[in-house]
Protein backbone atom coordinates (compact mmCIF):
# COMPACT_ATOMS: atom_id res chain seq x y z
CA MET A 1 1.31 -99.88 -35.67
CA SER A 2 2.49 -101.97 -38.58
CA THR A 3 0.39 -104.62 -40.79
CA TYR A 4 1.51 -108.06 -40.42
CA VAL A 5 0.26 -111.18 -42.64
CA PHE A 6 -0.07 -114.54 -40.65
CA LYS A 7 -0.69 -118.07 -41.42
CA ALA A 8 -2.07 -120.09 -38.63
CA MET A 9 -3.84 -123.55 -37.87
CA ASP A 10 -6.87 -123.97 -35.67
CA LEU A 11 -7.37 -126.98 -33.08
CA ALA A 12 -9.16 -129.02 -35.99
CA GLY A 13 -6.45 -128.79 -38.21
CA GLY A 14 -8.00 -125.93 -40.40
CA LYS A 15 -5.67 -123.40 -42.00
CA ALA A 16 -6.29 -119.71 -41.24
CA LYS A 17 -4.33 -116.65 -42.89
CA GLY A 18 -4.90 -112.91 -42.61
CA GLU A 19 -3.76 -109.53 -41.86
CA VAL A 20 -3.51 -108.03 -38.46
CA GLU A 21 -2.35 -104.62 -37.22
CA ALA A 22 -0.23 -104.62 -34.01
CA ASP A 23 2.93 -103.07 -32.59
CA SER A 24 4.97 -106.17 -33.01
CA LYS A 25 5.09 -109.98 -34.01
CA GLN A 26 4.59 -110.91 -30.45
CA ALA A 27 1.53 -108.86 -30.13
CA VAL A 28 0.34 -110.57 -33.37
CA SER A 29 1.15 -113.97 -31.85
CA ASP A 30 -0.77 -113.03 -28.54
CA GLN A 31 -3.77 -112.18 -30.32
CA LEU A 32 -3.68 -115.41 -32.63
CA LYS A 33 -3.31 -117.73 -29.47
CA ALA A 34 -6.07 -115.78 -27.74
CA ARG A 35 -8.31 -116.74 -30.71
CA GLY A 36 -7.20 -120.27 -30.23
CA LEU A 37 -4.93 -120.61 -33.13
CA VAL A 38 -1.50 -122.17 -33.53
CA VAL A 39 0.71 -119.76 -35.43
CA LEU A 40 2.70 -120.94 -38.23
CA GLU A 41 4.26 -117.82 -39.74
CA ILE A 42 4.00 -114.07 -39.13
CA ALA A 43 5.71 -111.65 -41.59
CA ASP A 44 5.53 -107.78 -42.42
CA LYS A 45 2.98 -107.23 -45.13
CA HIS A 46 5.57 -105.45 -47.41
CA SER A 47 8.35 -107.81 -47.06
CA SER A 48 7.40 -109.94 -49.97
CA ARG A 49 8.04 -107.11 -52.28
CA GLU A 50 11.68 -106.62 -51.19
CA ILE A 51 14.44 -108.06 -53.42
CA ASN A 52 15.83 -111.14 -51.87
CA LEU A 53 19.52 -110.91 -51.93
CA SER A 54 20.14 -113.38 -48.97
CA PHE A 55 22.61 -115.42 -51.07
CA MET A 56 24.90 -112.41 -50.70
CA GLU A 57 24.76 -112.03 -47.00
CA SER A 58 26.55 -113.71 -44.20
CA VAL A 59 26.39 -113.65 -40.49
CA SER A 60 29.77 -112.57 -38.90
CA ALA A 61 30.97 -113.85 -35.60
CA GLY A 62 30.36 -110.45 -34.16
CA ASP A 63 26.54 -110.83 -34.91
CA LEU A 64 26.37 -114.17 -33.33
CA ALA A 65 28.27 -113.04 -30.30
CA VAL A 66 25.67 -110.22 -29.79
CA PHE A 67 22.84 -112.63 -30.39
CA SER A 68 24.13 -115.13 -27.91
CA ARG A 69 25.11 -112.59 -25.09
CA GLN A 70 21.62 -111.01 -25.54
CA LEU A 71 19.76 -114.46 -25.42
CA SER A 72 21.79 -115.28 -22.37
CA THR A 73 20.84 -111.90 -20.76
CA MET A 74 16.96 -112.33 -21.60
CA ILE A 75 17.04 -115.84 -20.29
CA THR A 76 18.89 -114.85 -17.09
CA SER A 77 16.17 -112.13 -16.59
CA GLY A 78 13.45 -114.91 -16.44
CA MET A 79 12.17 -114.42 -19.92
CA SER A 80 11.16 -117.67 -21.90
CA ILE A 81 13.21 -118.85 -24.77
CA LEU A 82 10.55 -118.22 -27.22
CA ARG A 83 9.76 -114.98 -26.06
CA ALA A 84 13.18 -114.02 -26.19
CA LEU A 85 13.61 -115.21 -29.84
CA TYR A 86 10.59 -113.09 -30.81
CA VAL A 87 12.43 -110.17 -29.33
CA LEU A 88 15.74 -110.76 -31.08
CA GLU A 89 13.80 -111.45 -34.38
CA ASP A 90 12.38 -107.87 -34.09
CA GLN A 91 15.64 -106.15 -33.18
CA THR A 92 18.28 -108.31 -35.41
CA GLU A 93 19.49 -106.31 -38.35
CA ASN A 94 21.27 -108.80 -40.09
CA LYS A 95 18.72 -110.17 -42.53
CA LEU A 96 20.16 -113.71 -42.93
CA LEU A 97 20.35 -114.08 -39.05
CA LYS A 98 16.86 -112.53 -38.70
CA GLU A 99 15.56 -115.19 -41.02
CA THR A 100 17.38 -117.88 -39.30
CA ILE A 101 16.01 -116.68 -35.95
CA VAL A 102 12.42 -116.88 -37.32
CA GLN A 103 12.90 -120.71 -38.51
CA VAL A 104 14.47 -121.27 -35.02
CA ARG A 105 11.68 -119.78 -33.16
CA LYS A 106 9.12 -121.84 -35.29
CA ASP A 107 11.07 -125.11 -34.38
CA VAL A 108 10.97 -124.27 -30.75
CA GLU A 109 7.47 -123.29 -30.87
CA ALA A 110 6.65 -126.72 -32.48
CA GLY A 111 8.52 -128.38 -29.46
CA LEU A 112 12.05 -128.93 -30.36
CA PRO A 113 14.95 -128.09 -28.09
CA LEU A 114 16.96 -124.75 -28.81
CA SER A 115 19.91 -126.82 -29.79
CA ASP A 116 18.13 -129.03 -32.17
CA ALA A 117 16.53 -126.02 -33.90
CA MET A 118 20.04 -124.54 -34.17
CA GLU A 119 21.47 -127.61 -35.61
CA ARG A 120 19.09 -127.28 -38.57
CA HIS A 121 21.09 -124.31 -39.68
CA PRO A 122 24.65 -125.23 -40.08
CA LYS A 123 25.64 -122.29 -42.12
CA VAL A 124 24.90 -119.99 -39.26
CA PHE A 125 25.38 -121.91 -36.21
CA SER A 126 28.63 -123.94 -35.80
CA GLN A 127 29.02 -127.18 -34.34
CA LEU A 128 30.69 -125.46 -31.42
CA PHE A 129 27.70 -123.26 -30.93
CA VAL A 130 25.28 -126.18 -31.04
CA ALA A 131 27.20 -128.32 -28.69
CA MET A 132 27.65 -125.76 -26.04
CA THR A 133 23.93 -124.71 -26.40
CA ARG A 134 23.02 -128.40 -25.85
CA ALA A 135 25.23 -128.91 -22.95
CA GLY A 136 23.84 -125.78 -21.41
CA GLU A 137 20.17 -127.29 -21.84
CA THR A 138 21.12 -130.63 -20.44
CA GLY A 139 22.77 -128.98 -17.39
CA GLY A 140 20.30 -126.44 -16.66
CA LEU A 141 22.91 -123.63 -17.26
CA LEU A 142 21.83 -122.41 -20.66
CA GLU A 143 22.63 -118.83 -20.01
CA GLY A 144 26.13 -119.65 -18.87
CA SER A 145 26.77 -121.59 -21.98
CA LEU A 146 25.57 -118.90 -24.08
CA LEU A 147 27.91 -116.25 -22.37
CA ARG A 148 30.89 -118.88 -23.07
CA VAL A 149 29.85 -119.12 -26.65
CA ALA A 150 29.91 -115.32 -26.97
CA ASP A 151 33.17 -114.98 -25.27
CA GLN A 152 34.64 -117.64 -27.62
CA LEU A 153 33.23 -115.92 -30.81
CA GLU A 154 34.53 -112.59 -29.72
CA LYS A 155 38.09 -113.87 -29.02
CA ASP A 156 38.23 -115.87 -32.20
CA ALA A 157 37.13 -112.59 -34.19
CA SER A 158 39.54 -110.52 -32.39
CA LEU A 159 42.28 -113.17 -33.52
CA ARG A 160 41.11 -112.84 -37.06
CA ARG A 161 41.21 -108.97 -37.00
CA GLN A 162 44.77 -109.07 -35.94
CA ILE A 163 45.89 -111.25 -38.88
CA ARG A 164 43.72 -109.28 -41.52
CA SER A 165 45.15 -106.02 -40.03
CA ALA A 166 48.64 -107.37 -40.32
CA MET A 167 48.07 -108.40 -43.95
CA ILE A 168 46.74 -105.06 -45.16
CA TYR A 169 50.33 -103.36 -45.54
CA PRO A 170 51.94 -106.00 -47.57
CA ILE A 171 48.96 -106.51 -49.83
CA LEU A 172 48.79 -102.78 -50.53
CA VAL A 173 52.46 -102.78 -51.17
CA ILE A 174 52.36 -105.87 -53.44
CA VAL A 175 49.35 -104.25 -55.54
CA PHE A 176 51.20 -100.80 -55.70
CA ALA A 177 54.10 -102.76 -56.99
CA ILE A 178 52.20 -104.77 -59.51
CA GLY A 179 50.56 -101.30 -60.57
CA VAL A 180 53.84 -99.58 -61.10
CA MET A 181 55.22 -102.51 -63.17
CA LEU A 182 52.17 -102.76 -65.39
CA ALA A 183 52.15 -98.91 -65.97
CA LEU A 184 55.92 -98.82 -66.82
CA VAL A 185 55.53 -101.94 -69.29
CA ALA A 186 52.44 -100.47 -70.71
CA PHE A 187 53.70 -96.72 -71.28
CA LEU A 188 57.41 -96.52 -70.90
CA VAL A 189 58.59 -99.42 -72.70
CA PRO A 190 56.79 -98.86 -75.89
CA VAL A 191 58.25 -95.44 -76.19
CA PHE A 192 61.86 -96.67 -75.70
CA GLU A 193 60.91 -99.69 -78.16
CA ASN A 194 60.29 -97.29 -80.85
CA VAL A 195 63.80 -95.43 -80.22
CA PHE A 196 65.43 -98.94 -80.26
CA LYS A 197 63.96 -99.59 -83.85
CA GLU A 198 65.69 -96.42 -85.22
CA PHE A 199 69.08 -97.57 -83.66
CA GLY A 200 68.61 -101.15 -84.95
CA GLY A 201 71.13 -104.07 -83.93
CA GLU A 202 70.56 -106.61 -81.35
CA LEU A 203 68.91 -105.75 -78.11
CA PRO A 204 70.28 -107.08 -74.81
CA ALA A 205 68.53 -110.12 -73.17
CA ILE A 206 67.14 -108.11 -70.13
CA THR A 207 65.76 -105.55 -72.64
CA LYS A 208 64.14 -108.44 -74.87
CA VAL A 209 62.41 -109.62 -71.55
CA SER A 210 60.89 -106.16 -70.88
CA VAL A 211 59.80 -105.82 -74.37
CA LYS A 212 58.20 -109.01 -74.50
CA LEU A 213 56.40 -108.22 -71.33
CA SER A 214 55.16 -105.09 -72.69
CA HIS A 215 53.63 -106.97 -75.78
CA LEU A 216 52.07 -109.24 -73.33
CA VAL A 217 50.47 -106.52 -71.45
CA THR A 218 49.55 -104.28 -74.29
CA HIS A 219 48.43 -106.68 -76.95
CA GLN A 220 47.67 -109.89 -75.14
CA TRP A 221 46.20 -108.83 -72.03
CA TYR A 222 43.41 -111.30 -72.12
CA LEU A 223 45.89 -114.14 -71.91
CA LEU A 224 47.49 -112.55 -68.78
CA PHE A 225 44.15 -112.38 -67.02
CA GLY A 226 42.96 -115.68 -68.23
CA VAL A 227 46.22 -117.46 -66.87
CA THR A 228 45.94 -115.53 -63.71
CA ALA A 229 42.09 -116.35 -63.32
CA ALA A 230 43.11 -120.10 -64.15
CA VAL A 231 45.82 -120.26 -61.54
CA ILE A 232 43.76 -118.71 -58.87
CA VAL A 233 40.95 -121.32 -59.50
CA ALA A 234 43.13 -124.15 -59.72
CA PHE A 235 44.83 -123.14 -56.39
CA LEU A 236 41.49 -122.67 -54.76
CA LYS A 237 40.21 -126.05 -55.87
CA TRP A 238 43.48 -127.72 -54.86
CA LYS A 239 43.51 -126.18 -51.36
CA SER A 240 39.72 -127.26 -50.72
CA SER A 241 40.29 -130.72 -52.09
CA SER A 242 40.73 -133.79 -49.84
CA TRP A 243 44.44 -134.28 -50.80
CA GLY A 244 45.34 -130.69 -51.38
CA ARG A 245 44.07 -129.34 -47.95
CA PRO A 246 46.49 -131.50 -46.01
CA GLN A 247 49.65 -130.52 -48.07
CA TRP A 248 48.47 -126.87 -47.85
CA ASP A 249 48.11 -126.92 -44.18
CA ARG A 250 51.67 -128.51 -43.59
CA PHE A 251 53.07 -126.11 -45.89
CA ARG A 252 51.69 -123.13 -44.01
CA LEU A 253 53.45 -124.30 -40.71
CA ARG A 254 56.86 -124.33 -42.65
CA VAL A 255 56.74 -121.02 -44.33
CA PRO A 256 59.78 -118.85 -43.22
CA MET A 257 59.92 -115.29 -42.07
CA LYS A 258 57.73 -116.01 -39.02
CA ILE A 259 54.64 -116.76 -41.23
CA GLY A 260 54.55 -120.46 -40.32
CA THR A 261 55.11 -119.39 -36.65
CA ILE A 262 52.12 -117.36 -36.70
CA VAL A 263 50.07 -120.07 -38.30
CA GLN A 264 51.15 -122.55 -35.47
CA GLU A 265 50.42 -119.98 -32.70
CA VAL A 266 46.91 -119.12 -34.24
CA ALA A 267 45.99 -122.89 -34.43
CA ILE A 268 47.10 -123.56 -30.81
CA ALA A 269 45.25 -120.54 -29.60
CA ARG A 270 42.20 -121.55 -31.49
CA TRP A 271 42.41 -125.13 -30.28
CA SER A 272 42.97 -124.44 -26.87
CA ARG A 273 40.20 -121.69 -26.68
CA THR A 274 37.71 -124.07 -28.29
CA LEU A 275 38.29 -126.92 -26.02
CA ALA A 276 38.29 -124.89 -22.95
CA ALA A 277 35.03 -123.55 -23.85
CA LEU A 278 33.36 -126.86 -24.42
CA THR A 279 34.82 -128.61 -21.68
CA GLY A 280 34.00 -125.61 -19.42
CA ALA A 281 30.27 -125.74 -20.67
CA GLY A 282 29.86 -129.42 -19.72
CA VAL A 283 30.24 -131.00 -23.31
CA PRO A 284 31.42 -134.47 -22.92
CA LEU A 285 35.06 -134.92 -23.33
CA LEU A 286 35.21 -137.11 -26.42
CA GLN A 287 32.59 -134.89 -28.45
CA ALA A 288 34.43 -131.77 -27.28
CA LEU A 289 37.76 -133.20 -28.73
CA GLU A 290 35.91 -134.22 -31.95
CA ILE A 291 34.36 -130.70 -32.32
CA THR A 292 37.76 -129.10 -31.54
CA GLY A 293 39.58 -131.11 -34.34
CA LYS A 294 36.84 -130.09 -36.95
CA THR A 295 36.87 -126.42 -35.97
CA GLY A 296 40.69 -126.15 -35.64
CA GLY A 297 41.39 -124.82 -38.91
CA ASN A 298 44.23 -126.89 -39.66
CA ILE A 299 44.52 -130.58 -40.63
CA VAL A 300 47.51 -131.25 -38.28
CA VAL A 301 45.29 -130.29 -35.46
CA GLU A 302 42.43 -132.32 -36.61
CA GLU A 303 44.74 -135.49 -37.00
CA ALA A 304 46.10 -134.89 -33.49
CA MET A 305 42.56 -134.73 -32.12
CA ALA A 306 42.10 -138.28 -33.87
CA ASP A 307 45.12 -139.68 -31.78
CA VAL A 308 43.84 -137.91 -28.53
CA ILE A 309 40.26 -139.38 -29.03
CA ALA A 310 41.80 -142.84 -29.40
CA SER A 311 43.95 -142.26 -26.21
CA VAL A 312 41.00 -141.11 -24.35
CA LYS A 313 38.77 -144.10 -25.36
CA ARG A 314 41.80 -146.34 -24.19
CA GLY A 315 41.75 -144.68 -20.75
CA GLY A 316 44.66 -142.56 -21.37
CA SER A 317 45.35 -138.75 -21.10
CA ILE A 318 45.20 -136.01 -23.50
CA SER A 319 48.65 -134.65 -23.08
CA ALA A 320 50.61 -137.83 -23.97
CA PRO A 321 49.59 -138.12 -27.79
CA LEU A 322 50.11 -134.32 -27.90
CA GLN A 323 53.75 -134.78 -26.98
CA GLN A 324 54.30 -136.79 -30.36
CA ILE A 325 52.78 -134.02 -32.37
CA PRO A 326 55.45 -131.30 -33.33
CA VAL A 327 52.96 -128.34 -33.70
CA PHE A 328 52.13 -128.78 -29.97
CA PRO A 329 55.11 -127.09 -27.89
CA SER A 330 56.26 -128.98 -24.85
CA MET A 331 55.07 -126.00 -22.65
CA VAL A 332 51.51 -126.78 -24.00
CA THR A 333 51.50 -130.39 -23.34
CA GLN A 334 52.90 -129.86 -19.92
CA MET A 335 50.14 -127.24 -19.13
CA VAL A 336 47.55 -129.74 -20.56
CA GLY A 337 48.95 -132.53 -18.21
CA VAL A 338 48.98 -130.42 -15.36
CA GLY A 339 45.21 -129.38 -15.92
CA GLU A 340 44.34 -132.96 -16.31
CA GLU A 341 46.04 -133.85 -12.92
CA THR A 342 44.30 -131.04 -11.01
CA GLY A 343 41.00 -131.18 -12.77
CA ALA A 344 41.21 -127.85 -14.08
CA LEU A 345 41.60 -128.48 -17.72
CA ASP A 346 39.44 -125.69 -18.99
CA ALA A 347 41.21 -122.88 -16.83
CA MET A 348 44.69 -124.26 -18.01
CA LEU A 349 43.56 -124.06 -21.67
CA ASP A 350 42.27 -120.69 -21.12
CA LYS A 351 45.73 -119.70 -20.01
CA ILE A 352 47.21 -121.38 -22.94
CA ALA A 353 44.94 -119.47 -25.25
CA ASP A 354 45.59 -116.11 -23.74
CA PHE A 355 49.34 -116.65 -24.04
CA TYR A 356 49.48 -117.66 -27.62
CA GLU A 357 47.09 -114.77 -28.63
CA ASP A 358 49.51 -112.44 -27.14
CA ARG A 359 52.26 -114.09 -28.99
CA VAL A 360 50.40 -113.96 -32.16
CA ASN A 361 50.00 -110.09 -31.56
CA ALA A 362 53.90 -109.94 -31.05
CA SER A 363 54.61 -112.21 -33.84
CA VAL A 364 52.41 -110.15 -36.29
CA LYS A 365 54.22 -106.81 -35.26
CA ALA A 366 57.62 -108.44 -35.85
CA LEU A 367 56.22 -109.75 -39.27
CA THR A 368 55.34 -106.31 -40.41
CA SER A 369 58.66 -104.87 -39.24
CA ILE A 370 60.43 -107.53 -41.32
CA MET A 371 57.98 -107.11 -44.27
CA GLU A 372 58.23 -103.36 -44.59
CA PRO A 373 62.15 -103.26 -45.85
CA ILE A 374 61.57 -106.40 -48.00
CA MET A 375 58.60 -104.78 -49.85
CA ILE A 376 60.92 -101.57 -50.45
CA ILE A 377 63.47 -103.68 -52.04
CA VAL A 378 60.89 -105.66 -54.05
CA ILE A 379 59.63 -102.45 -55.43
CA GLY A 380 62.91 -100.97 -56.15
CA ALA A 381 63.84 -104.15 -58.05
CA ILE A 382 61.08 -104.13 -60.09
CA VAL A 383 61.39 -100.27 -61.11
CA GLY A 384 65.19 -101.03 -61.33
CA PHE A 385 64.84 -104.03 -63.74
CA ILE A 386 62.70 -102.11 -65.95
CA VAL A 387 64.88 -98.98 -65.86
CA ILE A 388 67.94 -100.75 -66.56
CA SER A 389 66.69 -102.99 -69.31
CA MET A 390 65.46 -99.68 -71.00
CA TYR A 391 68.67 -97.83 -70.56
CA MET A 392 71.21 -100.55 -71.65
CA PRO A 393 70.61 -100.36 -75.35
CA LEU A 394 71.38 -96.50 -75.02
CA PHE A 395 74.56 -97.33 -73.27
CA THR A 396 75.55 -99.78 -75.95
CA VAL A 397 74.89 -97.21 -78.71
CA TYR A 398 77.01 -94.54 -76.65
CA ASN A 399 79.92 -97.07 -76.38
CA ASN A 400 79.79 -97.75 -80.10
CA ILE A 401 79.88 -94.05 -80.79
CA GLN A 402 83.05 -93.68 -78.69
């Protein structure tokens, strides 16, 4: 048994608190309710002594998918939402998600619908999660909506893993190249510089560049780090600003070497998968389009959804405005149009998402094969530049001797 501390309120409004030994929080809650008390809070006795580092924690898509799938399973088995939340609260390992479930459970205990309780925690439960949960509550198919949420989260997490895995190799190569360059200019160039001083004379321009870079790394390294940090901070602020984000999103779609193509395919896959999940769960179309635009991850998609919403409000179709947006290929607009005509829009959108997720996988592999020789050339060029710049004065001295 464990010792729990509780806060409760009796029917007259009086506050009560104390300690109870029980096997679980659910057992404590049952004891308090049997005593005619309304539960306000239950916590492990020693939890207050732990260091709170929740600001460093986050809830991954995988954690949310597991939570959603487990909650769906328990509801399907006939368990009440409140009891299911108690069970999930006990077995969830992620501290932030655990604390959020506690707050959601308290709100549900106070009479709020599950979706409204989740909506109070936007950092954990996205608009997509809340909307699909609300649609499931309204239609009496909450367990089905939660399964759809889990599938959506798992698909999105899988797509992100593909992109991250593709970026590991070029990032490692770039870091290695920078490390090699810094090592050469910090240790090799100063040795040659002392030799050049003994020779005297004017150094070639390429050698002067290497020597100045060596001085910067060895004597003014703080400027190098300061400028680099300033550039990174300025870029992040620009990218997150209201005027910088549209520019960055449009630029990403035009990056050569298949990078822009991958960005486009990821945006289409995420858009179609999200819209399919929302419409399949019974979320009203206009609300589904609005949420899809906000969670699309690209300003071009968000602007396209604004045009689509305006078209739907006028009684028009979804596919017609998409035909005017270059980011959506004709195949996508045609399949969306067929889905609208046949009444199977969510199924058609799922097929589009499956197709473009496969395309992303193929494009990522193609990009990796292109990046490998380019990275080798880059490293060779860096090393070659420094080596040549160091040997050119020696060749000049040799020619003068001849």
